[in-house]
Amino acid sequence: APDVVGRGDEAVAAVRRRPGSSIVVAMDLLRAGRGCAVVSAGHSGAVVAAAVLHLGRLPGIQRPALGIPFPTTVGKWVLVIDAGAVVDPRPQWLVQQAALAAGYVRTVWGVEEPRIGLLSNGEEPEKGNRLVRETHHLLAQAFGAQFAGNVEPHQIPDGPVDVVVCDGFTGNILLKTAEGVAALIQRVLRDALRRHWYTALLGLMLRPTLRREMLRLDYRTYGGVPLLGVNGLVYVAHGRSDAYAMRRAVQAAAQAARAGLLARLERVAAEQSAVEAEATDR
């Protein structure tokens, strides 16, 4: 790969202008069947653009989305979708993304009947902006009892649902806020335990436990996040990823490939397309 997409490059233009970049080369190798997945910590917009342009979308899926694993207090993960791929979606796109996320949770996490929630500023169906209210109606129609209704941000860590649906702008803000809060907690604890000799001694005793628990809040634990809706397995890693984070991202992609995630998502997309076609005919 003789070329590179820079952080300041415009995503689609860079993908078209730089066919020798590692992101484009990786997508072409995946499309040619010379790999099971692509993992990249590069320009996330360029990764999404290259995946759409070189792999294509799954039939019936208008826009792909990024699913972010979110830690909870009950020992499980919640998949937040979308986390930045589409910042200004239509309600129907969010329904499609919810179906893809449910397929991911079933296949990779083994949750047979994933519960789906819609991120909003209140639990009542009439809360939220126009996008949220219209999406609420469509999700209730599409998923029935599987749809748990609106979920407020502070409820996510309690794990009331398995999938949280939102637009990419909101999801990205949620993710980065959570990362900032986790970093704040780490700094506050570290400073407090270093303040006196006896707190330092306590910190030394607690270090293994604290390190293990704080790792749950670290983005490196999940390594990379799936781009759902494209015709291939693509994982986007954090731009600050170190060797541990990259290893975890590769492990996540390999687990998805072994579990047959792409085949499951192809079926989900086909079912979603058939339901939409039937609704249109009516």
C-alpha atoms as a PDB file:
ATOM      1  CA  ALA A   1       0.000   0.000   0.000  1.00  0.00           C
ATOM      2  CA  PRO A   2       2.088   2.945  -1.271  1.00  0.00           C
ATOM      3  CA  ASP A   3      -0.396   5.652  -0.268  1.00  0.00           C
ATOM      4  CA  VAL A   4      -2.211   6.790   2.861  1.00  0.00           C
ATOM      5  CA  VAL A   5      -5.418   8.632   3.736  1.00  0.00           C
ATOM      6  CA  GLY A   6      -4.600  11.519   6.066  1.00  0.00           C
ATOM      7  CA  ARG A   7      -6.665  12.548   9.072  1.00  0.00           C
ATOM      8  CA  GLY A   8      -7.637  15.823   7.440  1.00  0.00           C
ATOM      9  CA  ASP A   9      -8.701  14.322   4.099  1.00  0.00           C
ATOM     10  CA  GLU A  10     -12.329  14.350   2.989  1.00  0.00           C
ATOM     11  CA  ALA A  11     -13.426  10.724   3.166  1.00  0.00           C
ATOM     12  CA  VAL A  12     -15.052   9.949  -0.196  1.00  0.00           C
ATOM     13  CA  ALA A  13     -12.661  12.120  -2.205  1.00  0.00           C
ATOM     14  CA  ALA A  14      -9.633  10.551  -0.518  1.00  0.00           C
ATOM     15  CA  VAL A  15     -10.843   7.024  -1.222  1.00  0.00           C
ATOM     16  CA  ARG A  16     -11.314   7.850  -4.908  1.00  0.00           C
ATOM     17  CA  ARG A  17      -8.048   9.771  -5.247  1.00  0.00           C
ATOM     18  CA  ARG A  18      -5.884   7.316  -3.332  1.00  0.00           C
ATOM     19  CA  PRO A  19      -6.509   3.792  -4.671  1.00  0.00           C
ATOM     20  CA  GLY A  20      -3.136   2.717  -3.303  1.00  0.00           C
ATOM     21  CA  SER A  21      -3.977   3.581   0.304  1.00  0.00           C
ATOM     22  CA  SER A  22      -3.993   0.737   2.810  1.00  0.00           C
ATOM     23  CA  ILE A  23      -7.720   1.203   3.497  1.00  0.00           C
ATOM     24  CA  VAL A  24      -8.652   0.769  -0.183  1.00  0.00           C
ATOM     25  CA  VAL A  25      -6.149  -2.061  -0.731  1.00  0.00           C
ATOM     26  CA  ALA A  26      -7.591  -3.910   2.282  1.00  0.00           C
ATOM     27  CA  MET A  27     -11.166  -3.572   0.974  1.00  0.00           C
ATOM     28  CA  ASP A  28     -10.124  -4.851  -2.453  1.00  0.00           C
ATOM     29  CA  LEU A  29      -8.412  -7.855  -0.871  1.00  0.00           C
ATOM     30  CA  LEU A  30     -11.547  -8.610   1.133  1.00  0.00           C
ATOM     31  CA  ARG A  31     -13.752  -8.313  -1.956  1.00  0.00           C
ATOM     32  CA  ALA A  32     -11.400 -10.687  -3.816  1.00  0.00           C
ATOM     33  CA  GLY A  33     -11.846 -13.307  -1.097  1.00  0.00           C
ATOM     34  CA  ARG A  34      -8.285 -13.046   0.207  1.00  0.00           C
ATOM     35  CA  GLY A  35      -9.411 -12.348   3.740  1.00  0.00           C
ATOM     36  CA  CYS A  36     -12.389 -12.787   6.069  1.00  0.00           C
ATOM     37  CA  ALA A  37     -12.477  -9.261   7.474  1.00  0.00           C
ATOM     38  CA  VAL A  38     -10.869  -5.830   7.404  1.00  0.00           C
ATOM     39  CA  VAL A  39      -9.651  -4.142  10.583  1.00  0.00           C
ATOM     40  CA  SER A  40      -8.531  -0.507  10.419  1.00  0.00           C
ATOM     41  CA  ALA A  41      -7.613   2.190  12.926  1.00  0.00           C
ATOM     42  CA  GLY A  42      -7.290   4.747  10.143  1.00  0.00           C
ATOM     43  CA  HIS A  43      -9.595   7.565   9.017  1.00  0.00           C
ATOM     44  CA  SER A  44     -12.999   6.192  10.102  1.00  0.00           C
ATOM     45  CA  GLY A  45     -14.915   8.173   7.481  1.00  0.00           C
ATOM     46  CA  ALA A  46     -12.628   6.804   4.779  1.00  0.00           C
ATOM     47  CA  VAL A  47     -13.107   3.253   6.095  1.00  0.00           C
ATOM     48  CA  VAL A  48     -16.892   3.640   5.829  1.00  0.00           C
ATOM     49  CA  ALA A  49     -16.637   5.241   2.373  1.00  0.00           C
ATOM     50  CA  ALA A  50     -14.219   2.595   1.071  1.00  0.00           C
ATOM     51  CA  ALA A  51     -16.408  -0.217   2.413  1.00  0.00           C
ATOM     52  CA  VAL A  52     -19.504   1.178   0.677  1.00  0.00           C
ATOM     53  CA  LEU A  53     -17.717   1.950  -2.595  1.00  0.00           C
ATOM     54  CA  HIS A  54     -15.621  -1.228  -2.861  1.00  0.00           C
ATOM     55  CA  LEU A  55     -17.748  -3.832  -1.056  1.00  0.00           C
ATOM     56  CA  GLY A  56     -21.220  -2.401  -1.610  1.00  0.00           C
ATOM     57  CA  ARG A  57     -24.188  -2.423   0.736  1.00  0.00           C
ATOM     58  CA  LEU A  58     -26.218  -5.483   1.604  1.00  0.00           C
ATOM     59  CA  PRO A  59     -29.359  -5.637  -0.586  1.00  0.00           C
ATOM     60  CA  GLY A  60     -32.132  -3.547   0.949  1.00  0.00           C
ATOM     61  CA  ILE A  61     -29.871  -1.617   3.337  1.00  0.00           C
ATOM     62  CA  GLN A  62     -29.773   2.091   2.537  1.00  0.00           C
ATOM     63  CA  ARG A  63     -27.009   3.139   4.957  1.00  0.00           C
ATOM     64  CA  PRO A  64     -24.492   1.119   6.975  1.00  0.00           C
ATOM     65  CA  ALA A  65     -23.915   1.943  10.641  1.00  0.00           C
ATOM     66  CA  LEU A  66     -21.272   1.535  13.337  1.00  0.00           C
ATOM     67  CA  GLY A  67     -22.210  -0.532  16.394  1.00  0.00           C
ATOM     68  CA  ILE A  68     -20.380   0.328  19.619  1.00  0.00           C
ATOM     69  CA  PRO A  69     -20.296  -2.138  22.559  1.00  0.00           C
ATOM     70  CA  PHE A  70     -21.222  -0.230  25.715  1.00  0.00           C
ATOM     71  CA  PRO A  71     -20.350  -1.700  29.153  1.00  0.00           C
ATOM     72  CA  THR A  72     -23.001  -2.232  31.802  1.00  0.00           C
ATOM     73  CA  THR A  73     -23.163  -2.919  35.531  1.00  0.00           C
ATOM     74  CA  VAL A  74     -24.802  -6.308  34.966  1.00  0.00           C
ATOM     75  CA  GLY A  75     -21.851  -7.963  33.222  1.00  0.00           C
ATOM     76  CA  LYS A  76     -23.081  -7.735  29.636  1.00  0.00           C
ATOM     77  CA  TRP A  77     -22.623  -5.366  26.707  1.00  0.00           C
ATOM     78  CA  VAL A  78     -25.180  -3.153  24.992  1.00  0.00           C
ATOM     79  CA  LEU A  79     -24.704  -2.445  21.279  1.00  0.00           C
ATOM     80  CA  VAL A  80     -25.247   1.257  20.504  1.00  0.00           C
ATOM     81  CA  ILE A  81     -26.004   1.894  16.830  1.00  0.00           C
ATOM     82  CA  ASP A  82     -25.234   4.197  15.008  1.00  0.00           C
ATOM     83  CA  ALA A  83     -22.021   5.636  16.478  1.00  0.00           C
ATOM     84  CA  GLY A  84     -21.038   7.964  13.676  1.00  0.00           C
ATOM     85  CA  ALA A  85     -21.498   6.519  10.195  1.00  0.00           C
ATOM     86  CA  VAL A  86     -24.686   8.487   9.343  1.00  0.00           C
ATOM     87  CA  VAL A  87     -25.262  11.713  11.266  1.00  0.00           C
ATOM     88  CA  ASP A  88     -28.577  12.694   9.625  1.00  0.00           C
ATOM     89  CA  PRO A  89     -30.550   9.502   8.928  1.00  0.00           C
ATOM     90  CA  ARG A  90     -34.153   8.834   7.994  1.00  0.00           C
ATOM     91  CA  PRO A  91     -36.394   6.864  10.380  1.00  0.00           C
ATOM     92  CA  GLN A  92     -36.526   3.822   8.088  1.00  0.00           C
ATOM     93  CA  TRP A  93     -32.739   3.625   8.001  1.00  0.00           C
ATOM     94  CA  LEU A  94     -32.695   3.392  11.805  1.00  0.00           C
ATOM     95  CA  VAL A  95     -35.157   0.482  11.649  1.00  0.00           C
ATOM     96  CA  GLN A  96     -32.844  -1.312   9.215  1.00  0.00           C
ATOM     97  CA  GLN A  97     -29.869  -0.628  11.481  1.00  0.00           C
ATOM     98  CA  ALA A  98     -31.787  -1.957  14.481  1.00  0.00           C
ATOM     99  CA  ALA A  99     -32.418  -5.208  12.603  1.00  0.00           C
ATOM    100  CA  LEU A 100     -28.714  -5.498  11.715  1.00  0.00           C
ATOM    101  CA  ALA A 101     -27.709  -4.815  15.328  1.00  0.00           C
ATOM    102  CA  ALA A 102     -30.141  -7.469  16.592  1.00  0.00           C
ATOM    103  CA  GLY A 103     -28.613  -9.923  14.104  1.00  0.00           C
ATOM    104  CA  TYR A 104     -25.141  -9.070  15.369  1.00  0.00           C
ATOM    105  CA  VAL A 105     -26.114  -9.522  19.022  1.00  0.00           C
ATOM    106  CA  ARG A 106     -27.718 -12.889  18.261  1.00  0.00           C
ATOM    107  CA  THR A 107     -24.774 -14.217  16.264  1.00  0.00           C
ATOM    108  CA  VAL A 108     -21.750 -12.851  18.093  1.00  0.00           C
ATOM    109  CA  TRP A 109     -23.020 -12.432  21.664  1.00  0.00           C
ATOM    110  CA  GLY A 110     -25.467 -15.338  21.681  1.00  0.00           C
ATOM    111  CA  VAL A 111     -28.523 -13.342  22.817  1.00  0.00           C
ATOM    112  CA  GLU A 112     -31.476 -15.213  21.335  1.00  0.00           C
ATOM    113  CA  GLU A 113     -34.128 -12.498  21.724  1.00  0.00           C
ATOM    114  CA  PRO A 114     -32.328  -9.170  21.910  1.00  0.00           C
ATOM    115  CA  ARG A 115     -34.303  -6.283  23.355  1.00  0.00           C
ATOM    116  CA  ILE A 116     -34.190  -3.050  21.345  1.00  0.00           C
ATOM    117  CA  GLY A 117     -34.401   0.453  22.789  1.00  0.00           C
ATOM    118  CA  LEU A 118     -34.483   3.900  21.189  1.00  0.00           C
ATOM    119  CA  LEU A 119     -32.270   6.606  22.684  1.00  0.00           C
ATOM    120  CA  SER A 120     -34.319   9.627  23.725  1.00  0.00           C
ATOM    121  CA  ASN A 121     -34.635  12.336  26.369  1.00  0.00           C
ATOM    122  CA  GLY A 122     -37.578  10.622  28.031  1.00  0.00           C
ATOM    123  CA  GLU A 123     -39.259   7.223  28.268  1.00  0.00           C
ATOM    124  CA  GLU A 124     -42.654   8.357  26.949  1.00  0.00           C
ATOM    125  CA  PRO A 125     -43.335   7.654  23.237  1.00  0.00           C
ATOM    126  CA  GLU A 126     -44.067  11.323  22.554  1.00  0.00           C
ATOM    127  CA  LYS A 127     -40.646  12.448  23.831  1.00  0.00           C
ATOM    128  CA  GLY A 128     -37.756  13.295  21.529  1.00  0.00           C
ATOM    129  CA  ASN A 129     -37.348  15.204  18.284  1.00  0.00           C
ATOM    130  CA  ARG A 130     -39.244  14.410  15.103  1.00  0.00           C
ATOM    131  CA  LEU A 131     -36.744  11.732  14.046  1.00  0.00           C
ATOM    132  CA  VAL A 132     -37.051   9.923  17.385  1.00  0.00           C
ATOM    133  CA  ARG A 133     -40.851  10.068  17.450  1.00  0.00           C
ATOM    134  CA  GLU A 134     -41.211   8.741  13.892  1.00  0.00           C
ATOM    135  CA  THR A 135     -38.593   6.050  14.509  1.00  0.00           C
ATOM    136  CA  HIS A 136     -40.391   4.980  17.704  1.00  0.00           C
ATOM    137  CA  HIS A 137     -43.568   4.300  15.718  1.00  0.00           C
ATOM    138  CA  LEU A 138     -41.708   2.298  13.041  1.00  0.00           C
ATOM    139  CA  LEU A 139     -39.702   0.250  15.563  1.00  0.00           C
ATOM    140  CA  ALA A 140     -42.881  -0.674  17.440  1.00  0.00           C
ATOM    141  CA  GLN A 141     -44.422  -1.861  14.174  1.00  0.00           C
ATOM    142  CA  ALA A 142     -41.335  -3.776  13.046  1.00  0.00           C
ATOM    143  CA  PHE A 143     -40.310  -5.499  16.295  1.00  0.00           C
ATOM    144  CA  GLY A 144     -43.440  -5.699  18.458  1.00  0.00           C
ATOM    145  CA  ALA A 145     -42.712  -6.891  21.984  1.00  0.00           C
ATOM    146  CA  GLN A 146     -38.991  -7.041  21.177  1.00  0.00           C
ATOM    147  CA  PHE A 147     -38.990  -3.227  21.135  1.00  0.00           C
ATOM    148  CA  ALA A 148     -38.656  -1.906  24.692  1.00  0.00           C
ATOM    149  CA  GLY A 149     -39.446   1.715  23.849  1.00  0.00           C
ATOM    150  CA  ASN A 150     -37.385   4.784  24.661  1.00  0.00           C
ATOM    151  CA  VAL A 151     -34.212   4.537  26.732  1.00  0.00           C
ATOM    152  CA  GLU A 152     -32.562   7.528  28.389  1.00  0.00           C
ATOM    153  CA  PRO A 153     -28.743   7.782  28.359  1.00  0.00           C
ATOM    154  CA  HIS A 154     -28.348   7.254  32.104  1.00  0.00           C
ATOM    155  CA  GLN A 155     -30.258   3.946  31.839  1.00  0.00           C
ATOM    156  CA  ILE A 156     -27.857   2.317  29.372  1.00  0.00           C
ATOM    157  CA  PRO A 157     -25.281   1.208  32.008  1.00  0.00           C
ATOM    158  CA  ASP A 158     -28.049  -0.724  33.801  1.00  0.00           C
ATOM    159  CA  GLY A 159     -28.491  -2.922  30.703  1.00  0.00           C
ATOM    160  CA  PRO A 160     -32.286  -2.777  30.262  1.00  0.00           C
ATOM    161  CA  VAL A 161     -31.902  -3.577  26.552  1.00  0.00           C
ATOM    162  CA  ASP A 162     -29.360  -5.284  24.277  1.00  0.00           C
ATOM    163  CA  VAL A 163     -29.454  -2.751  21.421  1.00  0.00           C
ATOM    164  CA  VAL A 164     -29.794   1.036  21.632  1.00  0.00           C
ATOM    165  CA  VAL A 165     -30.730   2.817  18.385  1.00  0.00           C
ATOM    166  CA  CYS A 166     -29.862   6.441  17.634  1.00  0.00           C
ATOM    167  CA  ASP A 167     -28.609   8.667  14.840  1.00  0.00           C
ATOM    168  CA  GLY A 168     -24.861   8.758  14.201  1.00  0.00           C
ATOM    169  CA  PHE A 169     -24.355  12.270  15.570  1.00  0.00           C
ATOM    170  CA  THR A 170     -26.010  11.455  18.909  1.00  0.00           C
ATOM    171  CA  GLY A 171     -24.291   8.073  19.141  1.00  0.00           C
ATOM    172  CA  ASN A 172     -20.854   9.554  18.526  1.00  0.00           C
ATOM    173  CA  ILE A 173     -21.427  12.233  21.183  1.00  0.00           C
ATOM    174  CA  LEU A 174     -22.606   9.530  23.623  1.00  0.00           C
ATOM    175  CA  LEU A 175     -19.498   7.445  22.941  1.00  0.00           C
ATOM    176  CA  LYS A 176     -17.025  10.297  23.336  1.00  0.00           C
ATOM    177  CA  THR A 177     -18.754  11.564  26.480  1.00  0.00           C
ATOM    178  CA  ALA A 178     -18.521   8.082  27.992  1.00  0.00           C
ATOM    179  CA  GLU A 179     -14.821   7.894  27.105  1.00  0.00           C
ATOM    180  CA  GLY A 180     -14.245  11.267  28.772  1.00  0.00           C
ATOM    181  CA  VAL A 181     -16.105  10.272  31.930  1.00  0.00           C
ATOM    182  CA  ALA A 182     -14.154   6.997  32.154  1.00  0.00           C
ATOM    183  CA  ALA A 183     -10.867   8.891  31.825  1.00  0.00           C
ATOM    184  CA  LEU A 184     -12.033  11.381  34.485  1.00  0.00           C
ATOM    185  CA  ILE A 185     -12.853   8.567  36.930  1.00  0.00           C
ATOM    186  CA  GLN A 186      -9.419   7.025  36.377  1.00  0.00           C
ATOM    187  CA  ARG A 187      -7.623  10.342  36.993  1.00  0.00           C
ATOM    188  CA  VAL A 188      -9.688  11.170  40.104  1.00  0.00           C
ATOM    189  CA  LEU A 189      -9.041   7.742  41.635  1.00  0.00           C
ATOM    190  CA  ARG A 190      -5.332   7.872  40.807  1.00  0.00           C
ATOM    191  CA  ASP A 191      -4.904  11.354  42.297  1.00  0.00           C
ATOM    192  CA  ALA A 192      -6.883  10.458  45.421  1.00  0.00           C
ATOM    193  CA  LEU A 193      -4.870   7.305  46.072  1.00  0.00           C
ATOM    194  CA  ARG A 194      -1.553   9.137  45.636  1.00  0.00           C
ATOM    195  CA  ARG A 195      -2.447  11.986  48.030  1.00  0.00           C
ATOM    196  CA  HIS A 196      -1.119  10.409  51.275  1.00  0.00           C
ATOM    197  CA  TRP A 197       1.185   7.540  52.173  1.00  0.00           C
ATOM    198  CA  TYR A 198      -1.675   5.483  53.603  1.00  0.00           C
ATOM    199  CA  THR A 199      -3.896   6.009  50.559  1.00  0.00           C
ATOM    200  CA  ALA A 200      -0.926   5.057  48.379  1.00  0.00           C
ATOM    201  CA  LEU A 201      -0.583   1.836  50.384  1.00  0.00           C
ATOM    202  CA  LEU A 202      -4.308   1.178  49.958  1.00  0.00           C
ATOM    203  CA  GLY A 203      -3.976   1.869  46.237  1.00  0.00           C
ATOM    204  CA  LEU A 204      -1.154  -0.659  45.998  1.00  0.00           C
ATOM    205  CA  MET A 205      -3.377  -3.281  47.626  1.00  0.00           C
ATOM    206  CA  LEU A 206      -6.345  -2.434  45.391  1.00  0.00           C
ATOM    207  CA  ARG A 207      -4.376  -2.063  42.142  1.00  0.00           C
ATOM    208  CA  PRO A 208      -5.187  -5.515  40.636  1.00  0.00           C
ATOM    209  CA  THR A 209      -8.914  -5.129  41.357  1.00  0.00           C
ATOM    210  CA  LEU A 210      -9.091  -1.535  40.138  1.00  0.00           C
ATOM    211  CA  ARG A 211      -7.156  -2.330  36.992  1.00  0.00           C
ATOM    212  CA  ARG A 212      -9.470  -5.245  36.193  1.00  0.00           C
ATOM    213  CA  GLU A 213     -12.632  -3.202  36.766  1.00  0.00           C
ATOM    214  CA  MET A 214     -11.418  -0.079  34.939  1.00  0.00           C
ATOM    215  CA  LEU A 215     -10.556  -2.224  31.926  1.00  0.00           C
ATOM    216  CA  ARG A 216     -14.314  -2.678  31.413  1.00  0.00           C
ATOM    217  CA  LEU A 217     -14.557   1.068  30.768  1.00  0.00           C
ATOM    218  CA  ASP A 218     -11.572   1.138  28.412  1.00  0.00           C
ATOM    219  CA  TYR A 219     -12.272   1.303  24.648  1.00  0.00           C
ATOM    220  CA  ARG A 220      -9.297  -1.030  24.154  1.00  0.00           C
ATOM    221  CA  THR A 221     -11.292  -3.899  25.657  1.00  0.00           C
ATOM    222  CA  TYR A 222     -13.575  -4.224  22.644  1.00  0.00           C
ATOM    223  CA  GLY A 223     -10.819  -3.067  20.293  1.00  0.00           C
ATOM    224  CA  GLY A 224     -12.859  -2.443  17.172  1.00  0.00           C
ATOM    225  CA  VAL A 225     -16.498  -1.862  16.298  1.00  0.00           C
ATOM    226  CA  PRO A 226     -18.429  -3.496  13.447  1.00  0.00           C
ATOM    227  CA  LEU A 227     -19.616  -1.572  10.405  1.00  0.00           C
ATOM    228  CA  LEU A 228     -22.965  -3.268   9.813  1.00  0.00           C
ATOM    229  CA  GLY A 229     -24.760  -3.145   6.469  1.00  0.00           C
ATOM    230  CA  VAL A 230     -21.890  -3.542   3.996  1.00  0.00           C
ATOM    231  CA  ASN A 231     -21.188  -6.713   2.020  1.00  0.00           C
ATOM    232  CA  GLY A 232     -18.231  -7.793   4.112  1.00  0.00           C
ATOM    233  CA  LEU A 233     -16.931  -7.851   7.670  1.00  0.00           C
ATOM    234  CA  VAL A 234     -15.339  -4.502   8.507  1.00  0.00           C
ATOM    235  CA  TYR A 235     -14.154  -3.425  11.957  1.00  0.00           C
ATOM    236  CA  VAL A 236     -13.166   0.133  12.810  1.00  0.00           C
ATOM    237  CA  ALA A 237     -10.642   0.549  15.624  1.00  0.00           C
ATOM    238  CA  HIS A 238     -10.023   3.708  17.634  1.00  0.00           C
ATOM    239  CA  GLY A 239      -7.502   6.146  16.192  1.00  0.00           C
ATOM    240  CA  ARG A 240      -5.569   6.010  19.494  1.00  0.00           C
ATOM    241  CA  SER A 241      -5.364   2.207  19.465  1.00  0.00           C
ATOM    242  CA  ASP A 242      -2.223   0.628  20.881  1.00  0.00           C
ATOM    243  CA  ALA A 243      -1.046  -2.936  20.306  1.00  0.00           C
ATOM    244  CA  TYR A 244      -3.487  -4.361  22.870  1.00  0.00           C
ATOM    245  CA  ALA A 245      -6.460  -2.566  21.305  1.00  0.00           C
ATOM    246  CA  MET A 246      -5.484  -3.736  17.820  1.00  0.00           C
ATOM    247  CA  ARG A 247      -5.158  -7.311  19.028  1.00  0.00           C
ATOM    248  CA  ARG A 248      -8.626  -7.124  20.547  1.00  0.00           C
ATOM    249  CA  ALA A 249     -10.014  -5.652  17.316  1.00  0.00           C
ATOM    250  CA  VAL A 250      -8.545  -8.497  15.269  1.00  0.00           C
ATOM    251  CA  GLN A 251      -9.931 -11.002  17.771  1.00  0.00           C
ATOM    252  CA  ALA A 252     -13.398  -9.434  17.506  1.00  0.00           C
ATOM    253  CA  ALA A 253     -13.301  -9.611  13.704  1.00  0.00           C
ATOM    254  CA  ALA A 254     -12.111 -13.216  13.780  1.00  0.00           C
ATOM    255  CA  GLN A 255     -14.872 -14.181  16.224  1.00  0.00           C
ATOM    256  CA  ALA A 256     -17.486 -12.611  13.946  1.00  0.00           C
ATOM    257  CA  ALA A 257     -16.091 -14.438  10.911  1.00  0.00           C
ATOM    258  CA  ARG A 258     -16.118 -17.803  12.707  1.00  0.00           C
ATOM    259  CA  ALA A 259     -19.682 -17.207  13.904  1.00  0.00           C
ATOM    260  CA  GLY A 260     -20.921 -16.625  10.345  1.00  0.00           C
ATOM    261  CA  LEU A 261     -21.970 -13.021  10.980  1.00  0.00           C
ATOM    262  CA  LEU A 262     -22.041 -11.937   7.338  1.00  0.00           C
ATOM    263  CA  ALA A 263     -24.390 -14.773   6.338  1.00  0.00           C
ATOM    264  CA  ARG A 264     -26.719 -13.857   9.225  1.00  0.00           C
ATOM    265  CA  LEU A 265     -26.738 -10.188   8.228  1.00  0.00           C
ATOM    266  CA  GLU A 266     -27.473 -11.117   4.608  1.00  0.00           C
ATOM    267  CA  ARG A 267     -30.574 -12.981   5.819  1.00  0.00           C
ATOM    268  CA  VAL A 268     -31.576 -10.065   8.051  1.00  0.00           C
ATOM    269  CA  ALA A 269     -31.223  -7.617   5.160  1.00  0.00           C
ATOM    270  CA  ALA A 270     -33.284  -9.866   2.867  1.00  0.00           C
ATOM    271  CA  GLU A 271     -36.041 -10.185   5.475  1.00  0.00           C
ATOM    272  CA  GLN A 272     -36.052  -6.442   6.068  1.00  0.00           C
ATOM    273  CA  SER A 273     -36.257  -5.768   2.333  1.00  0.00           C
ATOM    274  CA  ALA A 274     -39.174  -8.177   1.955  1.00  0.00           C
ATOM    275  CA  VAL A 275     -41.089  -6.552   4.829  1.00  0.00           C
ATOM    276  CA  GLU A 276     -40.572  -3.082   3.361  1.00  0.00           C
ATOM    277  CA  ALA A 277     -41.681  -4.260  -0.090  1.00  0.00           C
ATOM    278  CA  GLU A 278     -44.845  -5.763   1.401  1.00  0.00           C
ATOM    279  CA  ALA A 279     -45.590  -2.536   3.274  1.00  0.00           C
ATOM    280  CA  THR A 280     -45.115  -0.549   0.064  1.00  0.00           C
ATOM    281  CA  ASP A 281     -47.511  -2.827  -1.846  1.00  0.00           C
ATOM    282  CA  ARG A 282     -50.178  -2.326   0.825  1.00  0.00           C
END
